[in-house]
Amino acid sequence: REIITRVNRIRKENPALQTTWNINFTETNNDSVIAYTKTDEA
């Protein structure tokens, strides 16, 4: 619950997390680690 609260606050403070369509996956050299970027141009 503590982490849920923290992440929900991050979502509200960062416009890049407020749309789904802007996701782009990026390379990692470990299949156990997934990485992606989200940006808000405005």
ModelCIF file with pLDDT and N, C-alpha, C, O atoms, coordinates in Angstrom:
data_MODEL
#
_entry.id   MODEL 
#
_entity.id                         1 
_entity.type                       polymer 
_entity.pdbx_number_of_molecules   1 
#
_entity_poly.entity_id                      1 
_entity_poly.type                           'polypeptide(L)' 
_entity_poly.nstd_linkage                   no 
_entity_poly.nstd_monomer                   no 
_entity_poly.pdbx_seq_one_letter_code       REIITRVNRIRKENPALQTTWNINFTETNNDSVIAYTKTDEA 
_entity_poly.pdbx_seq_one_letter_code_can   REIITRVNRIRKENPALQTTWNINFTETNNDSVIAYTKTDEA 
_entity_poly.pdbx_strand_id                 A 
#
loop_
_entity_poly_seq.entity_id 
_entity_poly_seq.num 
_entity_poly_seq.mon_id 
_entity_poly_seq.hetero 
1 1  ARG n 
1 2  GLU n 
1 3  ILE n 
1 4  ILE n 
1 5  THR n 
1 6  ARG n 
1 7  VAL n 
1 8  ASN n 
1 9  ARG n 
1 10 ILE n 
1 11 ARG n 
1 12 LYS n 
1 13 GLU n 
1 14 ASN n 
1 15 PRO n 
1 16 ALA n 
1 17 LEU n 
1 18 GLN n 
1 19 THR n 
1 20 THR n 
1 21 TRP n 
1 22 ASN n 
1 23 ILE n 
1 24 ASN n 
1 25 PHE n 
1 26 THR n 
1 27 GLU n 
1 28 THR n 
1 29 ASN n 
1 30 ASN n 
1 31 ASP n 
1 32 SER n 
1 33 VAL n 
1 34 ILE n 
1 35 ALA n 
1 36 TYR n 
1 37 THR n 
1 38 LYS n 
1 39 THR n 
1 40 ASP n 
1 41 GLU n 
1 42 ALA n 
#
_struct_asym.id          A 
_struct_asym.entity_id   1 
#
loop_
_ma_qa_metric.id 
_ma_qa_metric.mode 
_ma_qa_metric.name 
_ma_qa_metric.software_group_id 
_ma_qa_metric.type 
1 global pLDDT . pLDDT 
2 local  pLDDT . pLDDT 
#
_ma_qa_metric_global.metric_id      1 
_ma_qa_metric_global.metric_value   97.31 
_ma_qa_metric_global.model_id       1 
_ma_qa_metric_global.ordinal_id     1 
#
loop_
_ma_qa_metric_local.label_asym_id 
_ma_qa_metric_local.label_comp_id 
_ma_qa_metric_local.label_seq_id 
_ma_qa_metric_local.metric_id 
_ma_qa_metric_local.metric_value 
_ma_qa_metric_local.model_id 
_ma_qa_metric_local.ordinal_id 
A ARG 1  2 98.00 1 1  
A GLU 2  2 98.00 1 2  
A ILE 3  2 98.00 1 3  
A ILE 4  2 98.00 1 4  
A THR 5  2 98.00 1 5  
A ARG 6  2 98.00 1 6  
A VAL 7  2 98.00 1 7  
A ASN 8  2 98.00 1 8  
A ARG 9  2 98.00 1 9  
A ILE 10 2 98.00 1 10 
A ARG 11 2 98.00 1 11 
A LYS 12 2 98.00 1 12 
A GLU 13 2 98.00 1 13 
A ASN 14 2 98.00 1 14 
A PRO 15 2 97.00 1 15 
A ALA 16 2 98.00 1 16 
A LEU 17 2 98.00 1 17 
A GLN 18 2 98.00 1 18 
A THR 19 2 97.00 1 19 
A THR 20 2 98.00 1 20 
A TRP 21 2 97.00 1 21 
A ASN 22 2 96.00 1 22 
A ILE 23 2 98.00 1 23 
A ASN 24 2 97.00 1 24 
A PHE 25 2 98.00 1 25 
A THR 26 2 97.00 1 26 
A GLU 27 2 97.00 1 27 
A THR 28 2 98.00 1 28 
A ASN 29 2 97.00 1 29 
A ASN 30 2 98.00 1 30 
A ASP 31 2 97.00 1 31 
A SER 32 2 98.00 1 32 
A VAL 33 2 98.00 1 33 
A ILE 34 2 98.00 1 34 
A ALA 35 2 98.00 1 35 
A TYR 36 2 98.00 1 36 
A THR 37 2 98.00 1 37 
A LYS 38 2 98.00 1 38 
A THR 39 2 96.00 1 39 
A ASP 40 2 95.00 1 40 
A GLU 41 2 91.00 1 41 
A ALA 42 2 91.00 1 42 
#
loop_
_atom_site.group_PDB 
_atom_site.id 
_atom_site.type_symbol 
_atom_site.label_atom_id 
_atom_site.label_alt_id 
_atom_site.label_comp_id 
_atom_site.label_asym_id 
_atom_site.label_entity_id 
_atom_site.label_seq_id 
_atom_site.pdbx_PDB_ins_code 
_atom_site.Cartn_x 
_atom_site.Cartn_y 
_atom_site.Cartn_z 
_atom_site.occupancy 
_atom_site.B_iso_or_equiv 
_atom_site.pdbx_formal_charge 
_atom_site.auth_seq_id 
_atom_site.auth_comp_id 
_atom_site.auth_asym_id 
_atom_site.auth_atom_id 
_atom_site.pdbx_PDB_model_num 
ATOM 1   N N  . ARG A 1 1  ? 0.834  -1.208  0.000   1.00 98.00 ? 1  ARG A N  1 
ATOM 2   C CA . ARG A 1 1  ? 0.000  0.000   0.000   1.00 98.00 ? 1  ARG A CA 1 
ATOM 3   C C  . ARG A 1 1  ? 0.868  1.258   0.000   1.00 98.00 ? 1  ARG A C  1 
ATOM 4   O O  . ARG A 1 1  ? 0.541  2.239   -0.668  1.00 98.00 ? 1  ARG A O  1 
ATOM 5   N N  . GLU A 1 2  ? 1.949  1.232   0.731   1.00 98.00 ? 2  GLU A N  1 
ATOM 6   C CA . GLU A 1 2  ? 2.844  2.397   0.767   1.00 98.00 ? 2  GLU A CA 1 
ATOM 7   C C  . GLU A 1 2  ? 3.397  2.700   -0.625  1.00 98.00 ? 2  GLU A C  1 
ATOM 8   O O  . GLU A 1 2  ? 3.476  3.859   -1.032  1.00 98.00 ? 2  GLU A O  1 
ATOM 9   N N  . ILE A 1 3  ? 3.779  1.651   -1.348  1.00 98.00 ? 3  ILE A N  1 
ATOM 10  C CA . ILE A 1 3  ? 4.326  1.844   -2.689  1.00 98.00 ? 3  ILE A CA 1 
ATOM 11  C C  . ILE A 1 3  ? 3.213  2.260   -3.658  1.00 98.00 ? 3  ILE A C  1 
ATOM 12  O O  . ILE A 1 3  ? 3.442  3.080   -4.547  1.00 98.00 ? 3  ILE A O  1 
ATOM 13  N N  . ILE A 1 4  ? 2.025  1.705   -3.491  1.00 98.00 ? 4  ILE A N  1 
ATOM 14  C CA . ILE A 1 4  ? 0.890  2.127   -4.317  1.00 98.00 ? 4  ILE A CA 1 
ATOM 15  C C  . ILE A 1 4  ? 0.665  3.629   -4.168  1.00 98.00 ? 4  ILE A C  1 
ATOM 16  O O  . ILE A 1 4  ? 0.486  4.337   -5.159  1.00 98.00 ? 4  ILE A O  1 
ATOM 17  N N  . THR A 1 5  ? 0.674  4.103   -2.940  1.00 98.00 ? 5  THR A N  1 
ATOM 18  C CA . THR A 1 5  ? 0.461  5.525   -2.671  1.00 98.00 ? 5  THR A CA 1 
ATOM 19  C C  . THR A 1 5  ? 1.533  6.376   -3.340  1.00 98.00 ? 5  THR A C  1 
ATOM 20  O O  . THR A 1 5  ? 1.245  7.427   -3.912  1.00 98.00 ? 5  THR A O  1 
ATOM 21  N N  . ARG A 1 6  ? 2.765  5.907   -3.259  1.00 98.00 ? 6  ARG A N  1 
ATOM 22  C CA . ARG A 1 6  ? 3.881  6.662   -3.849  1.00 98.00 ? 6  ARG A CA 1 
ATOM 23  C C  . ARG A 1 6  ? 3.765  6.714   -5.367  1.00 98.00 ? 6  ARG A C  1 
ATOM 24  O O  . ARG A 1 6  ? 3.942  7.773   -5.969  1.00 98.00 ? 6  ARG A O  1 
ATOM 25  N N  . VAL A 1 7  ? 3.471  5.591   -5.979  1.00 98.00 ? 7  VAL A N  1 
ATOM 26  C CA . VAL A 1 7  ? 3.390  5.542   -7.442  1.00 98.00 ? 7  VAL A CA 1 
ATOM 27  C C  . VAL A 1 7  ? 2.197  6.351   -7.954  1.00 98.00 ? 7  VAL A C  1 
ATOM 28  O O  . VAL A 1 7  ? 2.303  7.028   -8.977  1.00 98.00 ? 7  VAL A O  1 
ATOM 29  N N  . ASN A 1 8  ? 1.076  6.286   -7.260  1.00 98.00 ? 8  ASN A N  1 
ATOM 30  C CA . ASN A 1 8  ? -0.073 7.076   -7.693  1.00 98.00 ? 8  ASN A CA 1 
ATOM 31  C C  . ASN A 1 8  ? 0.228  8.576   -7.623  1.00 98.00 ? 8  ASN A C  1 
ATOM 32  O O  . ASN A 1 8  ? -0.234 9.344   -8.467  1.00 98.00 ? 8  ASN A O  1 
ATOM 33  N N  . ARG A 1 9  ? 0.987  8.980   -6.636  1.00 98.00 ? 9  ARG A N  1 
ATOM 34  C CA . ARG A 1 9  ? 1.398  10.393  -6.574  1.00 98.00 ? 9  ARG A CA 1 
ATOM 35  C C  . ARG A 1 9  ? 2.319  10.738  -7.749  1.00 98.00 ? 9  ARG A C  1 
ATOM 36  O O  . ARG A 1 9  ? 2.203  11.813  -8.338  1.00 98.00 ? 9  ARG A O  1 
ATOM 37  N N  . ILE A 1 10 ? 3.219  9.834   -8.083  1.00 98.00 ? 10 ILE A N  1 
ATOM 38  C CA . ILE A 1 10 ? 4.121  10.042  -9.225  1.00 98.00 ? 10 ILE A CA 1 
ATOM 39  C C  . ILE A 1 10 ? 3.313  10.157  -10.513 1.00 98.00 ? 10 ILE A C  1 
ATOM 40  O O  . ILE A 1 10 ? 3.613  10.996  -11.362 1.00 98.00 ? 10 ILE A O  1 
ATOM 41  N N  . ARG A 1 11 ? 2.293  9.320   -10.659 1.00 98.00 ? 11 ARG A N  1 
ATOM 42  C CA . ARG A 1 11 ? 1.443  9.372   -11.861 1.00 98.00 ? 11 ARG A CA 1 
ATOM 43  C C  . ARG A 1 11 ? 0.778  10.741  -12.000 1.00 98.00 ? 11 ARG A C  1 
ATOM 44  O O  . ARG A 1 11 ? 0.703  11.288  -13.101 1.00 98.00 ? 11 ARG A O  1 
ATOM 45  N N  . LYS A 1 12 ? 0.303  11.285  -10.904 1.00 98.00 ? 12 LYS A N  1 
ATOM 46  C CA . LYS A 1 12 ? -0.394 12.567  -10.959 1.00 98.00 ? 12 LYS A CA 1 
ATOM 47  C C  . LYS A 1 12 ? 0.562  13.733  -11.220 1.00 98.00 ? 12 LYS A C  1 
ATOM 48  O O  . LYS A 1 12 ? 0.166  14.750  -11.790 1.00 98.00 ? 12 LYS A O  1 
ATOM 49  N N  . GLU A 1 13 ? 1.800  13.582  -10.809 1.00 98.00 ? 13 GLU A N  1 
ATOM 50  C CA . GLU A 1 13 ? 2.765  14.676  -10.951 1.00 98.00 ? 13 GLU A CA 1 
ATOM 51  C C  . GLU A 1 13 ? 3.500  14.657  -12.282 1.00 98.00 ? 13 GLU A C  1 
ATOM 52  O O  . GLU A 1 13 ? 4.186  15.623  -12.617 1.00 98.00 ? 13 GLU A O  1 
ATOM 53  N N  . ASN A 1 14 ? 3.371  13.582  -13.044 1.00 98.00 ? 14 ASN A N  1 
ATOM 54  C CA . ASN A 1 14 ? 4.136  13.441  -14.286 1.00 98.00 ? 14 ASN A CA 1 
ATOM 55  C C  . ASN A 1 14 ? 3.209  13.203  -15.471 1.00 98.00 ? 14 ASN A C  1 
ATOM 56  O O  . ASN A 1 14 ? 2.672  12.106  -15.623 1.00 98.00 ? 14 ASN A O  1 
ATOM 57  N N  . PRO A 1 15 ? 3.014  14.220  -16.317 1.00 97.00 ? 15 PRO A N  1 
ATOM 58  C CA . PRO A 1 15 ? 2.115  14.081  -17.476 1.00 97.00 ? 15 PRO A CA 1 
ATOM 59  C C  . PRO A 1 15 ? 2.485  12.930  -18.398 1.00 97.00 ? 15 PRO A C  1 
ATOM 60  O O  . PRO A 1 15 ? 1.619  12.398  -19.092 1.00 97.00 ? 15 PRO A O  1 
ATOM 61  N N  . ALA A 1 16 ? 3.760  12.533  -18.421 1.00 98.00 ? 16 ALA A N  1 
ATOM 62  C CA . ALA A 1 16 ? 4.173  11.444  -19.303 1.00 98.00 ? 16 ALA A CA 1 
ATOM 63  C C  . ALA A 1 16 ? 3.493  10.130  -18.943 1.00 98.00 ? 16 ALA A C  1 
ATOM 64  O O  . ALA A 1 16 ? 3.394  9.235   -19.782 1.00 98.00 ? 16 ALA A O  1 
ATOM 65  N N  . LEU A 1 17 ? 3.022  10.002  -17.704 1.00 98.00 ? 17 LEU A N  1 
ATOM 66  C CA . LEU A 1 17 ? 2.347  8.773   -17.270 1.00 98.00 ? 17 LEU A CA 1 
ATOM 67  C C  . LEU A 1 17 ? 0.839  8.864   -17.427 1.00 98.00 ? 17 LEU A C  1 
ATOM 68  O O  . LEU A 1 17 ? 0.121  7.956   -17.011 1.00 98.00 ? 17 LEU A O  1 
ATOM 69  N N  . GLN A 1 18 ? 0.349  9.942   -18.019 1.00 98.00 ? 18 GLN A N  1 
ATOM 70  C CA . GLN A 1 18 ? -1.093 10.168  -18.109 1.00 98.00 ? 18 GLN A CA 1 
ATOM 71  C C  . GLN A 1 18 ? -1.662 9.854   -19.485 1.00 98.00 ? 18 GLN A C  1 
ATOM 72  O O  . GLN A 1 18 ? -2.809 10.191  -19.777 1.00 98.00 ? 18 GLN A O  1 
ATOM 73  N N  . THR A 1 19 ? -0.874 9.219   -20.319 1.00 97.00 ? 19 THR A N  1 
ATOM 74  C CA . THR A 1 19 ? -1.358 8.669   -21.577 1.00 97.00 ? 19 THR A CA 1 
ATOM 75  C C  . THR A 1 19 ? -0.641 7.347   -21.817 1.00 97.00 ? 19 THR A C  1 
ATOM 76  O O  . THR A 1 19 ? 0.472  7.136   -21.335 1.00 97.00 ? 19 THR A O  1 
ATOM 77  N N  . THR A 1 20 ? -1.275 6.477   -22.550 1.00 98.00 ? 20 THR A N  1 
ATOM 78  C CA . THR A 1 20 ? -0.706 5.148   -22.815 1.00 98.00 ? 20 THR A CA 1 
ATOM 79  C C  . THR A 1 20 ? 0.094  5.132   -24.108 1.00 98.00 ? 20 THR A C  1 
ATOM 80  O O  . THR A 1 20 ? 1.010  4.324   -24.259 1.00 98.00 ? 20 THR A O  1 
ATOM 81  N N  . TRP A 1 21 ? -0.240 6.014   -25.040 1.00 97.00 ? 21 TRP A N  1 
ATOM 82  C CA . TRP A 1 21 ? 0.258  5.892   -26.415 1.00 97.00 ? 21 TRP A CA 1 
ATOM 83  C C  . TRP A 1 21 ? 1.722  6.282   -26.580 1.00 97.00 ? 21 TRP A C  1 
ATOM 84  O O  . TRP A 1 21 ? 2.296  6.030   -27.639 1.00 97.00 ? 21 TRP A O  1 
ATOM 85  N N  . ASN A 1 22 ? 2.343  6.883   -25.577 1.00 96.00 ? 22 ASN A N  1 
ATOM 86  C CA . ASN A 1 22 ? 3.698  7.423   -25.738 1.00 96.00 ? 22 ASN A CA 1 
ATOM 87  C C  . ASN A 1 22 ? 4.796  6.470   -25.296 1.00 96.00 ? 22 ASN A C  1 
ATOM 88  O O  . ASN A 1 22 ? 5.944  6.888   -25.143 1.00 96.00 ? 22 ASN A O  1 
ATOM 89  N N  . ILE A 1 23 ? 4.474  5.202   -25.089 1.00 98.00 ? 23 ILE A N  1 
ATOM 90  C CA . ILE A 1 23 ? 5.469  4.266   -24.576 1.00 98.00 ? 23 ILE A CA 1 
ATOM 91  C C  . ILE A 1 23 ? 6.405  3.797   -25.690 1.00 98.00 ? 23 ILE A C  1 
ATOM 92  O O  . ILE A 1 23 ? 5.973  3.511   -26.807 1.00 98.00 ? 23 ILE A O  1 
ATOM 93  N N  . ASN A 1 24 ? 7.691  3.726   -25.359 1.00 97.00 ? 24 ASN A N  1 
ATOM 94  C CA . ASN A 1 24 ? 8.700  3.174   -26.270 1.00 97.00 ? 24 ASN A CA 1 
ATOM 95  C C  . ASN A 1 24 ? 9.650  2.301   -25.457 1.00 97.00 ? 24 ASN A C  1 
ATOM 96  O O  . ASN A 1 24 ? 10.247 2.762   -24.484 1.00 97.00 ? 24 ASN A O  1 
ATOM 97  N N  . PHE A 1 25 ? 9.786  1.050   -25.855 1.00 98.00 ? 25 PHE A N  1 
ATOM 98  C CA . PHE A 1 25 ? 10.688 0.142   -25.151 1.00 98.00 ? 25 PHE A CA 1 
ATOM 99  C C  . PHE A 1 25 ? 12.115 0.383   -25.606 1.00 98.00 ? 25 PHE A C  1 
ATOM 100 O O  . PHE A 1 25 ? 12.371 0.734   -26.757 1.00 98.00 ? 25 PHE A O  1 
ATOM 101 N N  . THR A 1 26 ? 13.029 0.186   -24.683 1.00 97.00 ? 26 THR A N  1 
ATOM 102 C CA . THR A 1 26 ? 14.434 0.379   -24.995 1.00 97.00 ? 26 THR A CA 1 
ATOM 103 C C  . THR A 1 26 ? 15.217 -0.881  -24.644 1.00 97.00 ? 26 THR A C  1 
ATOM 104 O O  . THR A 1 26 ? 14.738 -1.741  -23.905 1.00 97.00 ? 26 THR A O  1 
ATOM 105 N N  . GLU A 1 27 ? 16.403 -0.972  -25.177 1.00 97.00 ? 27 GLU A N  1 
ATOM 106 C CA . GLU A 1 27 ? 17.198 -2.204  -25.040 1.00 97.00 ? 27 GLU A CA 1 
ATOM 107 C C  . GLU A 1 27 ? 17.706 -2.391  -23.613 1.00 97.00 ? 27 GLU A C  1 
ATOM 108 O O  . GLU A 1 27 ? 18.050 -1.433  -22.920 1.00 97.00 ? 27 GLU A O  1 
ATOM 109 N N  . THR A 1 28 ? 17.741 -3.659  -23.197 1.00 98.00 ? 28 THR A N  1 
ATOM 110 C CA . THR A 1 28 ? 18.470 -4.051  -21.994 1.00 98.00 ? 28 THR A CA 1 
ATOM 111 C C  . THR A 1 28 ? 19.237 -5.325  -22.330 1.00 98.00 ? 28 THR A C  1 
ATOM 112 O O  . THR A 1 28 ? 18.856 -6.063  -23.238 1.00 98.00 ? 28 THR A O  1 
ATOM 113 N N  . ASN A 1 29 ? 20.299 -5.575  -21.610 1.00 97.00 ? 29 ASN A N  1 
ATOM 114 C CA . ASN A 1 29 ? 21.079 -6.786  -21.878 1.00 97.00 ? 29 ASN A CA 1 
ATOM 115 C C  . ASN A 1 29 ? 20.751 -7.903  -20.895 1.00 97.00 ? 29 ASN A C  1 
ATOM 116 O O  . ASN A 1 29 ? 21.581 -8.774  -20.634 1.00 97.00 ? 29 ASN A O  1 
ATOM 117 N N  . ASN A 1 30 ? 19.526 -7.873  -20.349 1.00 98.00 ? 30 ASN A N  1 
ATOM 118 C CA . ASN A 1 30 ? 19.083 -8.886  -19.405 1.00 98.00 ? 30 ASN A CA 1 
ATOM 119 C C  . ASN A 1 30 ? 17.583 -9.059  -19.603 1.00 98.00 ? 30 ASN A C  1 
ATOM 120 O O  . ASN A 1 30 ? 16.823 -8.107  -19.426 1.00 98.00 ? 30 ASN A O  1 
ATOM 121 N N  . ASP A 1 31 ? 17.145 -10.267 -19.969 1.00 97.00 ? 31 ASP A N  1 
ATOM 122 C CA . ASP A 1 31 ? 15.723 -10.499 -20.216 1.00 97.00 ? 31 ASP A CA 1 
ATOM 123 C C  . ASP A 1 31 ? 14.879 -10.442 -18.957 1.00 97.00 ? 31 ASP A C  1 
ATOM 124 O O  . ASP A 1 31 ? 13.650 -10.441 -19.039 1.00 97.00 ? 31 ASP A O  1 
ATOM 125 N N  . SER A 1 32 ? 15.509 -10.395 -17.801 1.00 98.00 ? 32 SER A N  1 
ATOM 126 C CA . SER A 1 32 ? 14.768 -10.238 -16.554 1.00 98.00 ? 32 SER A CA 1 
ATOM 127 C C  . SER A 1 32 ? 14.507 -8.770  -16.219 1.00 98.00 ? 32 SER A C  1 
ATOM 128 O O  . SER A 1 32 ? 13.816 -8.465  -15.247 1.00 98.00 ? 32 SER A O  1 
ATOM 129 N N  . VAL A 1 33 ? 15.054 -7.875  -17.015 1.00 98.00 ? 33 VAL A N  1 
ATOM 130 C CA . VAL A 1 33 ? 14.857 -6.440  -16.796 1.00 98.00 ? 33 VAL A CA 1 
ATOM 131 C C  . VAL A 1 33 ? 14.196 -5.846  -18.034 1.00 98.00 ? 33 VAL A C  1 
ATOM 132 O O  . VAL A 1 33 ? 14.721 -5.950  -19.143 1.00 98.00 ? 33 VAL A O  1 
ATOM 133 N N  . ILE A 1 34 ? 13.048 -5.229  -17.832 1.00 98.00 ? 34 ILE A N  1 
ATOM 134 C CA . ILE A 1 34 ? 12.349 -4.548  -18.917 1.00 98.00 ? 34 ILE A CA 1 
ATOM 135 C C  . ILE A 1 34 ? 12.484 -3.047  -18.698 1.00 98.00 ? 34 ILE A C  1 
ATOM 136 O O  . ILE A 1 34 ? 12.414 -2.576  -17.563 1.00 98.00 ? 34 ILE A O  1 
ATOM 137 N N  . ALA A 1 35 ? 12.676 -2.294  -19.779 1.00 98.00 ? 35 ALA A N  1 
ATOM 138 C CA . ALA A 1 35 ? 12.846 -0.843  -19.662 1.00 98.00 ? 35 ALA A CA 1 
ATOM 139 C C  . ALA A 1 35 ? 12.086 -0.149  -20.777 1.00 98.00 ? 35 ALA A C  1 
ATOM 140 O O  . ALA A 1 35 ? 12.019 -0.642  -21.903 1.00 98.00 ? 35 ALA A O  1 
ATOM 141 N N  . TYR A 1 36 ? 11.520 0.988   -20.452 1.00 98.00 ? 36 TYR A N  1 
ATOM 142 C CA . TYR A 1 36 ? 10.751 1.746   -21.439 1.00 98.00 ? 36 TYR A CA 1 
ATOM 143 C C  . TYR A 1 36 ? 10.756 3.222   -21.065 1.00 98.00 ? 36 TYR A C  1 
ATOM 144 O O  . TYR A 1 36 ? 10.972 3.589   -19.910 1.00 98.00 ? 36 TYR A O  1 
ATOM 145 N N  . THR A 1 37 ? 10.514 4.056   -22.065 1.00 98.00 ? 37 THR A N  1 
ATOM 146 C CA . THR A 1 37 ? 10.472 5.501   -21.855 1.00 98.00 ? 37 THR A CA 1 
ATOM 147 C C  . THR A 1 37 ? 9.052  5.999   -22.081 1.00 98.00 ? 37 THR A C  1 
ATOM 148 O O  . THR A 1 37 ? 8.273  5.425   -22.843 1.00 98.00 ? 37 THR A O  1 
ATOM 149 N N  . LYS A 1 38 ? 8.750  7.085   -21.389 1.00 98.00 ? 38 LYS A N  1 
ATOM 150 C CA . LYS A 1 38 ? 7.487  7.791   -21.616 1.00 98.00 ? 38 LYS A CA 1 
ATOM 151 C C  . LYS A 1 38 ? 7.801  9.285   -21.550 1.00 98.00 ? 38 LYS A C  1 
ATOM 152 O O  . LYS A 1 38 ? 8.452  9.750   -20.615 1.00 98.00 ? 38 LYS A O  1 
ATOM 153 N N  . THR A 1 39 ? 7.336  10.023  -22.541 1.00 96.00 ? 39 THR A N  1 
ATOM 154 C CA . THR A 1 39 ? 7.628  11.449  -22.604 1.00 96.00 ? 39 THR A CA 1 
ATOM 155 C C  . THR A 1 39 ? 6.350  12.237  -22.871 1.00 96.00 ? 39 THR A C  1 
ATOM 156 O O  . THR A 1 39 ? 5.403  11.743  -23.483 1.00 96.00 ? 39 THR A O  1 
ATOM 157 N N  . ASP A 1 40 ? 6.357  13.470  -22.395 1.00 95.00 ? 40 ASP A N  1 
ATOM 158 C CA . ASP A 1 40 ? 5.279  14.413  -22.692 1.00 95.00 ? 40 ASP A CA 1 
ATOM 159 C C  . ASP A 1 40 ? 5.917  15.643  -23.325 1.00 95.00 ? 40 ASP A C  1 
ATOM 160 O O  . ASP A 1 40 ? 6.624  16.402  -22.663 1.00 95.00 ? 40 ASP A O  1 
ATOM 161 N N  . GLU A 1 41 ? 5.655  15.825  -24.611 1.00 91.00 ? 41 GLU A N  1 
ATOM 162 C CA . GLU A 1 41 ? 6.322  16.892  -25.355 1.00 91.00 ? 41 GLU A CA 1 
ATOM 163 C C  . GLU A 1 41 ? 5.933  18.267  -24.839 1.00 91.00 ? 41 GLU A C  1 
ATOM 164 O O  . GLU A 1 41 ? 6.777  19.161  -24.770 1.00 91.00 ? 41 GLU A O  1 
ATOM 165 N N  . ALA A 1 42 ? 4.671  18.452  -24.476 1.00 91.00 ? 42 ALA A N  1 
ATOM 166 C CA . ALA A 1 42 ? 4.198  19.775  -24.071 1.00 91.00 ? 42 ALA A CA 1 
ATOM 167 C C  . ALA A 1 42 ? 4.919  20.281  -22.829 1.00 91.00 ? 42 ALA A C  1 
ATOM 168 O O  . ALA A 1 42 ? 4.636  21.383  -22.357 1.00 91.00 ? 42 ALA A O  1 
#
